[in-house]
Amino acid sequence: MPKLISLLHPYEIKKINNIQQFLVFAKNLIRVICTKGCQEKIDGILVPVRWSKEKKVWVVDRGTNLMRDKIGVDLDNLEVYYTKDNIMYDAVRFVLNTVNSLKNINIIGQDYGLLKNSSKFIAFEYVNNKTNIIDYKKQCMYMLGLYQRHNKNRDLSYNKKHTQSTLLSHDDDFKKRFIHENLSTPRHFKIYENYTQVYLDFKNELLEKNFKQEKLSFLLKENHDLKDISSLKKIKSVFNSEEDVSYSKEFKNQMLNVYLSVCLGEFIKRKFKLSDCEGVIVYDKYLNTNIKLIGDIIFKDKKQFKKNLLDSKSDYNFNYMIPKAF
């Protein structure tokens, strides 16, 4: 199902069908980064927190139609849904304990309508030294902003290309109300240079690439469209392999689509000298979409945090007597 907060790689944008369109897209993103800036992309686990009017506590709700999210995961029923050795158990417990310790959290909930509207949620990103690719050294959480889930009554369905929520607020007035030693906010970056020159630097860097070393020697002799990605897993294996294998032109153009995304991400990360985070997020107002630029991390396998309680324990929460859903 679609992610509760949607972030797209450049290669996932259907409107970009050829290299020229990609360059126009890249120029626009660079202009935004130079004029308005961009936000750090946190490499962690999304933990959406909303108010439960039924239980009158803050709960974690990942936006699905599962009973787990309909009633919300709180500190009392946490072990019903996640085992203690599961990273999700650590994430939910840490975030809820931190939220509950905020003295002004109910005032925030009142001021921003969270206590009356269960479709509104505060998005947090949980990290520790084993969350994913980036080692954050310690356990902490980042406040991403206030969002509203679209399927308010969970009676709407979305295909996997649509986002499930809309950002309502992540401005400084909202962020400054969250003060806790466990809480941080993503960093903001901006390139203080003429965006046209920065774009030309990126374009020239592409032209100077030694594509033979990058398994894209076909660039030197063929015309190319950018094809939709049918198997990112296969593309990853090709780039991570030392074998020299012949592939179809369509598959090569899929590889090119992904590789251009990598080049743009690596270029921007070098501009900011970023080695301690996954990448950056840029909002493209023309596409009305948040774009993530993460460079060659695309080729790395990320952990999946979908493991739930699968042992022989009771399938019922003794407090609510509701069947357990996974």
C-alpha atoms as a PDB file:
ATOM      1  CA  MET A   1       0.000   0.000   0.000  1.00  0.00           C
ATOM      2  CA  PRO A   2       1.153   3.597  -0.413  1.00  0.00           C
ATOM      3  CA  LYS A   3       3.332   5.256   2.166  1.00  0.00           C
ATOM      4  CA  LEU A   4       1.669   7.562   4.642  1.00  0.00           C
ATOM      5  CA  ILE A   5       4.139  10.306   3.663  1.00  0.00           C
ATOM      6  CA  SER A   6       5.196  10.131   0.044  1.00  0.00           C
ATOM      7  CA  LEU A   7       8.748  10.979  -1.077  1.00  0.00           C
ATOM      8  CA  LEU A   8       9.709  10.247  -4.680  1.00  0.00           C
ATOM      9  CA  HIS A   9      13.033   9.503  -6.297  1.00  0.00           C
ATOM     10  CA  PRO A  10      13.481  11.399  -9.582  1.00  0.00           C
ATOM     11  CA  TYR A  11      13.300   8.109 -11.500  1.00  0.00           C
ATOM     12  CA  GLU A  12       9.781   7.538 -10.096  1.00  0.00           C
ATOM     13  CA  ILE A  13       8.346  10.664 -11.756  1.00  0.00           C
ATOM     14  CA  LYS A  14       6.337   9.560 -14.780  1.00  0.00           C
ATOM     15  CA  LYS A  15       6.457  12.951 -16.488  1.00  0.00           C
ATOM     16  CA  ILE A  16      10.214  12.652 -17.018  1.00  0.00           C
ATOM     17  CA  ASN A  17      10.523  10.586 -20.186  1.00  0.00           C
ATOM     18  CA  ASN A  18      13.895  11.562 -21.664  1.00  0.00           C
ATOM     19  CA  ILE A  19      17.249  13.078 -20.757  1.00  0.00           C
ATOM     20  CA  GLN A  20      16.265  16.596 -21.799  1.00  0.00           C
ATOM     21  CA  GLN A  21      13.228  16.504 -19.501  1.00  0.00           C
ATOM     22  CA  PHE A  22      15.439  15.222 -16.692  1.00  0.00           C
ATOM     23  CA  LEU A  23      17.824  18.147 -17.167  1.00  0.00           C
ATOM     24  CA  VAL A  24      14.926  20.642 -17.049  1.00  0.00           C
ATOM     25  CA  PHE A  25      13.704  18.921 -13.877  1.00  0.00           C
ATOM     26  CA  ALA A  26      17.213  19.007 -12.364  1.00  0.00           C
ATOM     27  CA  LYS A  27      17.586  22.705 -13.164  1.00  0.00           C
ATOM     28  CA  ASN A  28      14.301  23.476 -11.415  1.00  0.00           C
ATOM     29  CA  LEU A  29      15.274  21.475  -8.321  1.00  0.00           C
ATOM     30  CA  ILE A  30      18.658  23.220  -8.161  1.00  0.00           C
ATOM     31  CA  ARG A  31      16.875  26.589  -8.444  1.00  0.00           C
ATOM     32  CA  VAL A  32      14.667  25.660  -5.458  1.00  0.00           C
ATOM     33  CA  ILE A  33      17.690  24.526  -3.432  1.00  0.00           C
ATOM     34  CA  CYS A  34      19.479  27.814  -4.190  1.00  0.00           C
ATOM     35  CA  THR A  35      16.496  30.083  -3.461  1.00  0.00           C
ATOM     36  CA  LYS A  36      14.462  28.303  -0.772  1.00  0.00           C
ATOM     37  CA  GLY A  37      16.691  25.500   0.398  1.00  0.00           C
ATOM     38  CA  CYS A  38      16.000  21.864   1.223  1.00  0.00           C
ATOM     39  CA  GLN A  39      15.618  19.619   4.243  1.00  0.00           C
ATOM     40  CA  GLU A  40      17.739  16.780   5.558  1.00  0.00           C
ATOM     41  CA  LYS A  41      16.399  13.300   4.705  1.00  0.00           C
ATOM     42  CA  ILE A  42      16.424  11.231   7.889  1.00  0.00           C
ATOM     43  CA  ASP A  43      17.232   7.539   7.452  1.00  0.00           C
ATOM     44  CA  GLY A  44      14.935   6.040  10.058  1.00  0.00           C
ATOM     45  CA  ILE A  45      11.469   4.705  10.805  1.00  0.00           C
ATOM     46  CA  LEU A  46       8.370   6.846  10.375  1.00  0.00           C
ATOM     47  CA  VAL A  47       6.291   6.866  13.575  1.00  0.00           C
ATOM     48  CA  PRO A  48       3.008   8.823  13.150  1.00  0.00           C
ATOM     49  CA  VAL A  49       1.396   9.862  16.437  1.00  0.00           C
ATOM     50  CA  ARG A  50      -2.250  10.919  16.836  1.00  0.00           C
ATOM     51  CA  TRP A  51      -4.686  11.420  19.692  1.00  0.00           C
ATOM     52  CA  SER A  52      -7.133   8.590  20.440  1.00  0.00           C
ATOM     53  CA  LYS A  53     -10.471  10.056  21.506  1.00  0.00           C
ATOM     54  CA  GLU A  54     -11.630   6.596  22.616  1.00  0.00           C
ATOM     55  CA  LYS A  55      -8.644   5.794  24.836  1.00  0.00           C
ATOM     56  CA  LYS A  56      -7.714   9.411  25.577  1.00  0.00           C
ATOM     57  CA  VAL A  57      -4.019   8.751  25.033  1.00  0.00           C
ATOM     58  CA  TRP A  58      -1.485   9.398  22.283  1.00  0.00           C
ATOM     59  CA  VAL A  59      -1.143   6.429  19.969  1.00  0.00           C
ATOM     60  CA  VAL A  60       0.887   5.343  16.955  1.00  0.00           C
ATOM     61  CA  ASP A  61      -1.187   4.937  13.789  1.00  0.00           C
ATOM     62  CA  ARG A  62       0.579   4.037  10.523  1.00  0.00           C
ATOM     63  CA  GLY A  63      -2.536   4.819   8.494  1.00  0.00           C
ATOM     64  CA  THR A  64      -3.570   1.310   7.414  1.00  0.00           C
ATOM     65  CA  ASN A  65      -6.985  -0.335   7.616  1.00  0.00           C
ATOM     66  CA  LEU A  66      -5.619  -2.849  10.125  1.00  0.00           C
ATOM     67  CA  MET A  67      -7.315  -2.944  13.507  1.00  0.00           C
ATOM     68  CA  ARG A  68      -3.916  -2.213  15.025  1.00  0.00           C
ATOM     69  CA  ASP A  69      -3.966   1.272  13.495  1.00  0.00           C
ATOM     70  CA  LYS A  70      -7.690   1.853  13.839  1.00  0.00           C
ATOM     71  CA  ILE A  71      -7.478   1.544  17.610  1.00  0.00           C
ATOM     72  CA  GLY A  72      -3.885   2.812  17.755  1.00  0.00           C
ATOM     73  CA  VAL A  73      -0.811   1.272  19.353  1.00  0.00           C
ATOM     74  CA  ASP A  74      -0.206   2.620  22.841  1.00  0.00           C
ATOM     75  CA  LEU A  75       2.153   1.632  25.628  1.00  0.00           C
ATOM     76  CA  ASP A  76      -0.414  -0.792  27.076  1.00  0.00           C
ATOM     77  CA  ASN A  77      -1.005  -2.842  23.938  1.00  0.00           C
ATOM     78  CA  LEU A  78       2.453  -2.465  22.360  1.00  0.00           C
ATOM     79  CA  GLU A  79       3.498  -6.052  23.099  1.00  0.00           C
ATOM     80  CA  VAL A  80       0.364  -7.374  21.409  1.00  0.00           C
ATOM     81  CA  TYR A  81       1.647  -6.186  18.051  1.00  0.00           C
ATOM     82  CA  TYR A  82       5.443  -6.149  18.286  1.00  0.00           C
ATOM     83  CA  THR A  83       7.965  -8.444  19.930  1.00  0.00           C
ATOM     84  CA  LYS A  84      10.585  -6.910  22.169  1.00  0.00           C
ATOM     85  CA  ASP A  85      13.367  -7.835  19.747  1.00  0.00           C
ATOM     86  CA  ASN A  86      11.633  -5.935  16.930  1.00  0.00           C
ATOM     87  CA  ILE A  87      12.994  -2.496  15.996  1.00  0.00           C
ATOM     88  CA  MET A  88       9.390  -1.276  15.720  1.00  0.00           C
ATOM     89  CA  TYR A  89       8.883  -2.105  19.395  1.00  0.00           C
ATOM     90  CA  ASP A  90      11.823   0.140  20.297  1.00  0.00           C
ATOM     91  CA  ALA A  91      10.627   2.893  17.965  1.00  0.00           C
ATOM     92  CA  VAL A  92       7.038   3.006  19.222  1.00  0.00           C
ATOM     93  CA  ARG A  93       8.009   2.811  22.891  1.00  0.00           C
ATOM     94  CA  PHE A  94      10.694   5.495  22.586  1.00  0.00           C
ATOM     95  CA  VAL A  95       8.503   7.915  20.644  1.00  0.00           C
ATOM     96  CA  LEU A  96       5.423   7.513  22.846  1.00  0.00           C
ATOM     97  CA  ASN A  97       7.448   7.842  26.060  1.00  0.00           C
ATOM     98  CA  THR A  98       9.007  11.043  24.713  1.00  0.00           C
ATOM     99  CA  VAL A  99       5.671  12.468  23.528  1.00  0.00           C
ATOM    100  CA  ASN A 100       3.995  11.669  26.854  1.00  0.00           C
ATOM    101  CA  SER A 101       6.796  13.414  28.729  1.00  0.00           C
ATOM    102  CA  LEU A 102       6.238  16.700  26.869  1.00  0.00           C
ATOM    103  CA  LYS A 103       4.457  18.931  29.371  1.00  0.00           C
ATOM    104  CA  ASN A 104       2.731  20.934  26.646  1.00  0.00           C
ATOM    105  CA  ILE A 105       1.750  18.075  24.309  1.00  0.00           C
ATOM    106  CA  ASN A 106      -1.983  18.313  25.116  1.00  0.00           C
ATOM    107  CA  ILE A 107      -1.886  22.084  24.623  1.00  0.00           C
ATOM    108  CA  ILE A 108      -0.257  21.504  21.236  1.00  0.00           C
ATOM    109  CA  GLY A 109      -2.973  18.980  20.484  1.00  0.00           C
ATOM    110  CA  GLN A 110      -5.660  21.487  21.430  1.00  0.00           C
ATOM    111  CA  ASP A 111      -4.138  24.402  19.492  1.00  0.00           C
ATOM    112  CA  TYR A 112      -3.683  22.401  16.284  1.00  0.00           C
ATOM    113  CA  GLY A 113      -6.942  20.445  16.386  1.00  0.00           C
ATOM    114  CA  LEU A 114      -5.427  17.031  17.071  1.00  0.00           C
ATOM    115  CA  LEU A 115      -7.679  16.328  20.045  1.00  0.00           C
ATOM    116  CA  LYS A 116     -10.815  16.667  17.898  1.00  0.00           C
ATOM    117  CA  ASN A 117      -9.579  15.325  14.568  1.00  0.00           C
ATOM    118  CA  SER A 118      -8.110  11.812  14.618  1.00  0.00           C
ATOM    119  CA  SER A 119      -6.985  12.102  10.992  1.00  0.00           C
ATOM    120  CA  LYS A 120      -4.341  14.663  12.006  1.00  0.00           C
ATOM    121  CA  PHE A 121      -1.013  13.307  13.176  1.00  0.00           C
ATOM    122  CA  ILE A 122       2.474  14.438  14.134  1.00  0.00           C
ATOM    123  CA  ALA A 123       5.132  12.670  12.106  1.00  0.00           C
ATOM    124  CA  PHE A 124       8.308  11.584  13.864  1.00  0.00           C
ATOM    125  CA  GLU A 125      11.296   9.730  12.445  1.00  0.00           C
ATOM    126  CA  TYR A 126      12.982   7.334  14.871  1.00  0.00           C
ATOM    127  CA  VAL A 127      16.674   6.484  14.546  1.00  0.00           C
ATOM    128  CA  ASN A 128      19.332   4.573  16.450  1.00  0.00           C
ATOM    129  CA  ASN A 129      22.629   2.880  15.644  1.00  0.00           C
ATOM    130  CA  LYS A 130      20.885  -0.069  13.967  1.00  0.00           C
ATOM    131  CA  THR A 131      17.938   1.612  12.243  1.00  0.00           C
ATOM    132  CA  ASN A 132      19.233   1.516   8.686  1.00  0.00           C
ATOM    133  CA  ILE A 133      22.220   2.558   6.550  1.00  0.00           C
ATOM    134  CA  ILE A 134      23.228   5.745   8.404  1.00  0.00           C
ATOM    135  CA  ASP A 135      24.642   5.166  11.887  1.00  0.00           C
ATOM    136  CA  TYR A 136      23.140   7.845  14.136  1.00  0.00           C
ATOM    137  CA  LYS A 137      25.228   6.594  17.102  1.00  0.00           C
ATOM    138  CA  LYS A 138      22.411   7.105  19.578  1.00  0.00           C
ATOM    139  CA  GLN A 139      18.695   6.664  19.956  1.00  0.00           C
ATOM    140  CA  CYS A 140      16.715   9.798  19.114  1.00  0.00           C
ATOM    141  CA  MET A 141      13.755  11.082  17.087  1.00  0.00           C
ATOM    142  CA  TYR A 142      13.132  13.874  14.602  1.00  0.00           C
ATOM    143  CA  MET A 143       9.944  15.917  14.343  1.00  0.00           C
ATOM    144  CA  LEU A 144       8.915  16.124  10.668  1.00  0.00           C
ATOM    145  CA  GLY A 145       5.710  18.147  10.954  1.00  0.00           C
ATOM    146  CA  LEU A 146       1.932  18.110  11.308  1.00  0.00           C
ATOM    147  CA  TYR A 147       0.042  16.102   8.681  1.00  0.00           C
ATOM    148  CA  GLN A 148      -3.513  15.084   7.858  1.00  0.00           C
ATOM    149  CA  ARG A 149      -4.374  11.606   6.661  1.00  0.00           C
ATOM    150  CA  HIS A 150      -6.625  11.628   3.585  1.00  0.00           C
ATOM    151  CA  ASN A 151      -8.671   8.516   4.277  1.00  0.00           C
ATOM    152  CA  LYS A 152     -10.222   9.988   7.406  1.00  0.00           C
ATOM    153  CA  ASN A 153     -12.717   7.172   7.842  1.00  0.00           C
ATOM    154  CA  ARG A 154     -10.381   4.596   6.267  1.00  0.00           C
ATOM    155  CA  ASP A 155     -12.998   3.968   3.602  1.00  0.00           C
ATOM    156  CA  LEU A 156     -10.902   5.246   0.684  1.00  0.00           C
ATOM    157  CA  SER A 157      -8.347   3.267  -1.253  1.00  0.00           C
ATOM    158  CA  TYR A 158      -5.292   4.589  -3.075  1.00  0.00           C
ATOM    159  CA  ASN A 159      -3.072   3.031  -5.645  1.00  0.00           C
ATOM    160  CA  LYS A 160       0.574   2.843  -4.688  1.00  0.00           C
ATOM    161  CA  LYS A 161       1.468   6.004  -6.607  1.00  0.00           C
ATOM    162  CA  HIS A 162      -0.665   8.306  -4.458  1.00  0.00           C
ATOM    163  CA  THR A 163       0.252   9.803  -1.133  1.00  0.00           C
ATOM    164  CA  GLN A 164      -2.012   9.235   1.851  1.00  0.00           C
ATOM    165  CA  SER A 165      -1.468  12.531   3.639  1.00  0.00           C
ATOM    166  CA  THR A 166      -0.923  16.268   3.292  1.00  0.00           C
ATOM    167  CA  LEU A 167       1.575  18.399   5.203  1.00  0.00           C
ATOM    168  CA  LEU A 168      -0.231  21.017   7.314  1.00  0.00           C
ATOM    169  CA  SER A 169       2.666  22.618   9.155  1.00  0.00           C
ATOM    170  CA  HIS A 170       6.390  22.254   9.730  1.00  0.00           C
ATOM    171  CA  ASP A 171       7.239  25.915  10.212  1.00  0.00           C
ATOM    172  CA  ASP A 172       9.398  27.255  13.015  1.00  0.00           C
ATOM    173  CA  ASP A 173       6.400  28.241  15.163  1.00  0.00           C
ATOM    174  CA  PHE A 174       5.269  24.619  15.196  1.00  0.00           C
ATOM    175  CA  LYS A 175       8.731  23.099  15.642  1.00  0.00           C
ATOM    176  CA  LYS A 176       9.780  25.342  18.529  1.00  0.00           C
ATOM    177  CA  ARG A 177       6.944  23.988  20.680  1.00  0.00           C
ATOM    178  CA  PHE A 178       8.663  20.602  20.827  1.00  0.00           C
ATOM    179  CA  ILE A 179      11.526  20.832  23.296  1.00  0.00           C
ATOM    180  CA  HIS A 180      13.009  17.610  24.643  1.00  0.00           C
ATOM    181  CA  GLU A 181      16.478  16.082  24.908  1.00  0.00           C
ATOM    182  CA  ASN A 182      15.327  13.163  22.726  1.00  0.00           C
ATOM    183  CA  LEU A 183      13.928  15.432  20.011  1.00  0.00           C
ATOM    184  CA  SER A 184      15.642  17.077  17.061  1.00  0.00           C
ATOM    185  CA  THR A 185      14.494  18.611  13.783  1.00  0.00           C
ATOM    186  CA  PRO A 186      15.972  17.863  10.349  1.00  0.00           C
ATOM    187  CA  ARG A 187      18.627  20.322   9.233  1.00  0.00           C
ATOM    188  CA  HIS A 188      17.918  22.907   6.557  1.00  0.00           C
ATOM    189  CA  PHE A 189      20.388  23.378   3.712  1.00  0.00           C
ATOM    190  CA  LYS A 190      20.746  26.030   1.042  1.00  0.00           C
ATOM    191  CA  ILE A 191      23.224  26.654  -1.778  1.00  0.00           C
ATOM    192  CA  TYR A 192      24.307  30.304  -1.751  1.00  0.00           C
ATOM    193  CA  GLU A 193      25.344  30.440  -5.402  1.00  0.00           C
ATOM    194  CA  ASN A 194      23.737  31.403  -8.702  1.00  0.00           C
ATOM    195  CA  TYR A 195      21.503  28.465  -9.556  1.00  0.00           C
ATOM    196  CA  THR A 196      22.241  28.702 -13.307  1.00  0.00           C
ATOM    197  CA  GLN A 197      25.949  28.225 -12.659  1.00  0.00           C
ATOM    198  CA  VAL A 198      25.273  25.364 -10.240  1.00  0.00           C
ATOM    199  CA  TYR A 199      23.107  23.672 -12.862  1.00  0.00           C
ATOM    200  CA  LEU A 200      25.808  24.115 -15.511  1.00  0.00           C
ATOM    201  CA  ASP A 201      28.310  22.548 -13.116  1.00  0.00           C
ATOM    202  CA  PHE A 202      26.016  19.543 -12.746  1.00  0.00           C
ATOM    203  CA  LYS A 203      25.435  19.272 -16.499  1.00  0.00           C
ATOM    204  CA  ASN A 204      29.170  19.475 -17.221  1.00  0.00           C
ATOM    205  CA  GLU A 205      29.813  16.810 -14.598  1.00  0.00           C
ATOM    206  CA  LEU A 206      27.399  14.502 -16.411  1.00  0.00           C
ATOM    207  CA  LEU A 207      29.137  15.129 -19.731  1.00  0.00           C
ATOM    208  CA  GLU A 208      32.519  14.283 -18.207  1.00  0.00           C
ATOM    209  CA  LYS A 209      31.387  10.963 -16.724  1.00  0.00           C
ATOM    210  CA  ASN A 210      33.319   7.897 -17.751  1.00  0.00           C
ATOM    211  CA  PHE A 211      30.240   5.859 -18.523  1.00  0.00           C
ATOM    212  CA  LYS A 212      32.233   2.777 -19.478  1.00  0.00           C
ATOM    213  CA  GLN A 213      33.246   2.434 -15.860  1.00  0.00           C
ATOM    214  CA  GLU A 214      29.649   2.968 -14.805  1.00  0.00           C
ATOM    215  CA  LYS A 215      28.289   0.087 -16.947  1.00  0.00           C
ATOM    216  CA  LEU A 216      26.524   2.570 -19.196  1.00  0.00           C
ATOM    217  CA  SER A 217      28.810   2.518 -22.223  1.00  0.00           C
ATOM    218  CA  PHE A 218      25.662   2.306 -24.401  1.00  0.00           C
ATOM    219  CA  LEU A 219      25.293   6.038 -23.723  1.00  0.00           C
ATOM    220  CA  LEU A 220      28.042   6.705 -26.197  1.00  0.00           C
ATOM    221  CA  LYS A 221      26.233   5.290 -29.213  1.00  0.00           C
ATOM    222  CA  GLU A 222      22.451   5.169 -28.695  1.00  0.00           C
ATOM    223  CA  ASN A 223      19.464   7.484 -28.345  1.00  0.00           C
ATOM    224  CA  HIS A 224      17.748   7.174 -25.006  1.00  0.00           C
ATOM    225  CA  ASP A 225      14.366   7.530 -23.430  1.00  0.00           C
ATOM    226  CA  LEU A 226      13.957   7.109 -19.689  1.00  0.00           C
ATOM    227  CA  LYS A 227      11.876   3.995 -19.068  1.00  0.00           C
ATOM    228  CA  ASP A 228       9.733   3.274 -16.022  1.00  0.00           C
ATOM    229  CA  ILE A 229      11.520   1.014 -13.566  1.00  0.00           C
ATOM    230  CA  SER A 230      10.231  -2.563 -13.635  1.00  0.00           C
ATOM    231  CA  SER A 231      12.737  -4.016 -11.156  1.00  0.00           C
ATOM    232  CA  LEU A 232      14.913  -1.794  -8.993  1.00  0.00           C
ATOM    233  CA  LYS A 233      16.244  -4.966  -7.351  1.00  0.00           C
ATOM    234  CA  LYS A 234      17.612  -6.172 -10.689  1.00  0.00           C
ATOM    235  CA  ILE A 235      19.132  -2.760 -11.454  1.00  0.00           C
ATOM    236  CA  LYS A 236      20.829  -2.750  -8.045  1.00  0.00           C
ATOM    237  CA  SER A 237      22.297  -6.189  -8.702  1.00  0.00           C
ATOM    238  CA  VAL A 238      23.699  -5.044 -12.064  1.00  0.00           C
ATOM    239  CA  PHE A 239      25.439  -1.999 -10.594  1.00  0.00           C
ATOM    240  CA  ASN A 240      26.699  -3.985  -7.615  1.00  0.00           C
ATOM    241  CA  SER A 241      28.043  -6.808  -9.788  1.00  0.00           C
ATOM    242  CA  GLU A 242      31.402  -6.940 -11.552  1.00  0.00           C
ATOM    243  CA  GLU A 243      30.013  -9.038 -14.397  1.00  0.00           C
ATOM    244  CA  ASP A 244      29.805  -7.548 -17.886  1.00  0.00           C
ATOM    245  CA  VAL A 245      26.463  -8.745 -19.235  1.00  0.00           C
ATOM    246  CA  SER A 246      24.452  -7.620 -22.246  1.00  0.00           C
ATOM    247  CA  TYR A 247      20.943  -6.309 -21.565  1.00  0.00           C
ATOM    248  CA  SER A 248      18.052  -5.109 -23.661  1.00  0.00           C
ATOM    249  CA  LYS A 249      17.855  -1.446 -24.672  1.00  0.00           C
ATOM    250  CA  GLU A 250      14.714  -1.006 -22.555  1.00  0.00           C
ATOM    251  CA  PHE A 251      16.460  -2.318 -19.467  1.00  0.00           C
ATOM    252  CA  LYS A 252      19.504  -0.132 -20.170  1.00  0.00           C
ATOM    253  CA  ASN A 253      17.218   2.898 -20.344  1.00  0.00           C
ATOM    254  CA  GLN A 254      15.743   1.893 -16.985  1.00  0.00           C
ATOM    255  CA  MET A 255      19.294   1.749 -15.640  1.00  0.00           C
ATOM    256  CA  LEU A 256      19.963   5.196 -17.055  1.00  0.00           C
ATOM    257  CA  ASN A 257      16.845   6.584 -15.351  1.00  0.00           C
ATOM    258  CA  VAL A 258      18.056   5.353 -11.969  1.00  0.00           C
ATOM    259  CA  TYR A 259      21.646   6.391 -12.623  1.00  0.00           C
ATOM    260  CA  LEU A 260      20.699   9.992 -13.448  1.00  0.00           C
ATOM    261  CA  SER A 261      18.882  10.134 -10.091  1.00  0.00           C
ATOM    262  CA  VAL A 262      22.053   8.876  -8.410  1.00  0.00           C
ATOM    263  CA  CYS A 263      24.210  11.480 -10.194  1.00  0.00           C
ATOM    264  CA  LEU A 264      21.946  14.362  -9.163  1.00  0.00           C
ATOM    265  CA  GLY A 265      21.805  13.136  -5.569  1.00  0.00           C
ATOM    266  CA  GLU A 266      25.580  12.693  -5.322  1.00  0.00           C
ATOM    267  CA  PHE A 267      26.164  16.142  -6.829  1.00  0.00           C
ATOM    268  CA  ILE A 268      23.882  17.864  -4.298  1.00  0.00           C
ATOM    269  CA  LYS A 269      25.304  15.902  -1.368  1.00  0.00           C
ATOM    270  CA  ARG A 270      28.826  16.926  -2.366  1.00  0.00           C
ATOM    271  CA  LYS A 271      27.741  20.581  -2.527  1.00  0.00           C
ATOM    272  CA  PHE A 272      26.678  20.307   1.116  1.00  0.00           C
ATOM    273  CA  LYS A 273      29.537  17.943   2.064  1.00  0.00           C
ATOM    274  CA  LEU A 274      27.014  15.484   3.440  1.00  0.00           C
ATOM    275  CA  SER A 275      28.331  12.176   4.680  1.00  0.00           C
ATOM    276  CA  ASP A 276      26.342  11.842   7.881  1.00  0.00           C
ATOM    277  CA  CYS A 277      22.808  11.663   6.483  1.00  0.00           C
ATOM    278  CA  GLU A 278      20.892   9.881   3.760  1.00  0.00           C
ATOM    279  CA  GLY A 279      20.373  12.936   1.565  1.00  0.00           C
ATOM    280  CA  VAL A 280      17.947  15.834   1.147  1.00  0.00           C
ATOM    281  CA  ILE A 281      14.252  16.449   0.446  1.00  0.00           C
ATOM    282  CA  VAL A 282      13.183  19.142  -2.021  1.00  0.00           C
ATOM    283  CA  TYR A 283       9.606  20.255  -2.631  1.00  0.00           C
ATOM    284  CA  ASP A 284       8.764  20.653  -6.326  1.00  0.00           C
ATOM    285  CA  LYS A 285       5.708  22.926  -6.520  1.00  0.00           C
ATOM    286  CA  TYR A 286       5.131  22.199 -10.213  1.00  0.00           C
ATOM    287  CA  LEU A 287       4.773  18.492  -9.515  1.00  0.00           C
ATOM    288  CA  ASN A 288       3.318  19.148  -6.043  1.00  0.00           C
ATOM    289  CA  THR A 289       5.662  16.451  -4.781  1.00  0.00           C
ATOM    290  CA  ASN A 290       8.489  16.026  -2.303  1.00  0.00           C
ATOM    291  CA  ILE A 291      11.583  14.718  -4.079  1.00  0.00           C
ATOM    292  CA  LYS A 292      14.315  12.826  -2.248  1.00  0.00           C
ATOM    293  CA  LEU A 293      17.906  12.967  -3.470  1.00  0.00           C
ATOM    294  CA  ILE A 294      20.029  10.311  -1.795  1.00  0.00           C
ATOM    295  CA  GLY A 295      22.756   9.495  -4.323  1.00  0.00           C
ATOM    296  CA  ASP A 296      24.217   5.997  -4.502  1.00  0.00           C
ATOM    297  CA  ILE A 297      22.369   4.880  -1.371  1.00  0.00           C
ATOM    298  CA  ILE A 298      19.738   3.878  -3.962  1.00  0.00           C
ATOM    299  CA  PHE A 299      21.973   0.898  -4.734  1.00  0.00           C
ATOM    300  CA  LYS A 300      22.175  -0.231  -1.111  1.00  0.00           C
ATOM    301  CA  ASP A 301      19.675  -2.631   0.435  1.00  0.00           C
ATOM    302  CA  LYS A 302      17.639  -1.015   3.181  1.00  0.00           C
ATOM    303  CA  LYS A 303      16.078  -2.879   6.071  1.00  0.00           C
ATOM    304  CA  GLN A 304      12.388  -3.642   6.109  1.00  0.00           C
ATOM    305  CA  PHE A 305      10.586  -2.975   9.373  1.00  0.00           C
ATOM    306  CA  LYS A 306       7.519  -5.126   8.804  1.00  0.00           C
ATOM    307  CA  LYS A 307       8.111  -7.990  11.219  1.00  0.00           C
ATOM    308  CA  ASN A 308       5.266  -8.321  13.699  1.00  0.00           C
ATOM    309  CA  LEU A 309       4.318 -10.625  16.561  1.00  0.00           C
ATOM    310  CA  LEU A 310       4.140 -14.075  14.967  1.00  0.00           C
ATOM    311  CA  ASP A 311       4.458 -16.443  17.920  1.00  0.00           C
ATOM    312  CA  SER A 312       1.819 -18.430  19.777  1.00  0.00           C
ATOM    313  CA  LYS A 313       0.613 -15.663  22.062  1.00  0.00           C
ATOM    314  CA  SER A 314      -3.106 -14.869  22.238  1.00  0.00           C
ATOM    315  CA  ASP A 315      -4.510 -13.076  19.205  1.00  0.00           C
ATOM    316  CA  TYR A 316      -6.461 -10.766  21.479  1.00  0.00           C
ATOM    317  CA  ASN A 317      -5.680  -7.620  23.378  1.00  0.00           C
ATOM    318  CA  PHE A 318      -7.078  -8.353  26.833  1.00  0.00           C
ATOM    319  CA  ASN A 319      -7.906  -4.664  27.363  1.00  0.00           C
ATOM    320  CA  TYR A 320      -9.968  -4.201  24.202  1.00  0.00           C
ATOM    321  CA  MET A 321     -10.733  -7.781  23.123  1.00  0.00           C
ATOM    322  CA  ILE A 322     -10.108  -6.857  19.492  1.00  0.00           C
ATOM    323  CA  PRO A 323      -8.507  -9.410  17.135  1.00  0.00           C
ATOM    324  CA  LYS A 324      -4.867  -8.733  16.436  1.00  0.00           C
ATOM    325  CA  ALA A 325      -4.081  -7.577  12.888  1.00  0.00           C
ATOM    326  CA  PHE A 326      -0.725  -7.541  11.115  1.00  0.00           C
END
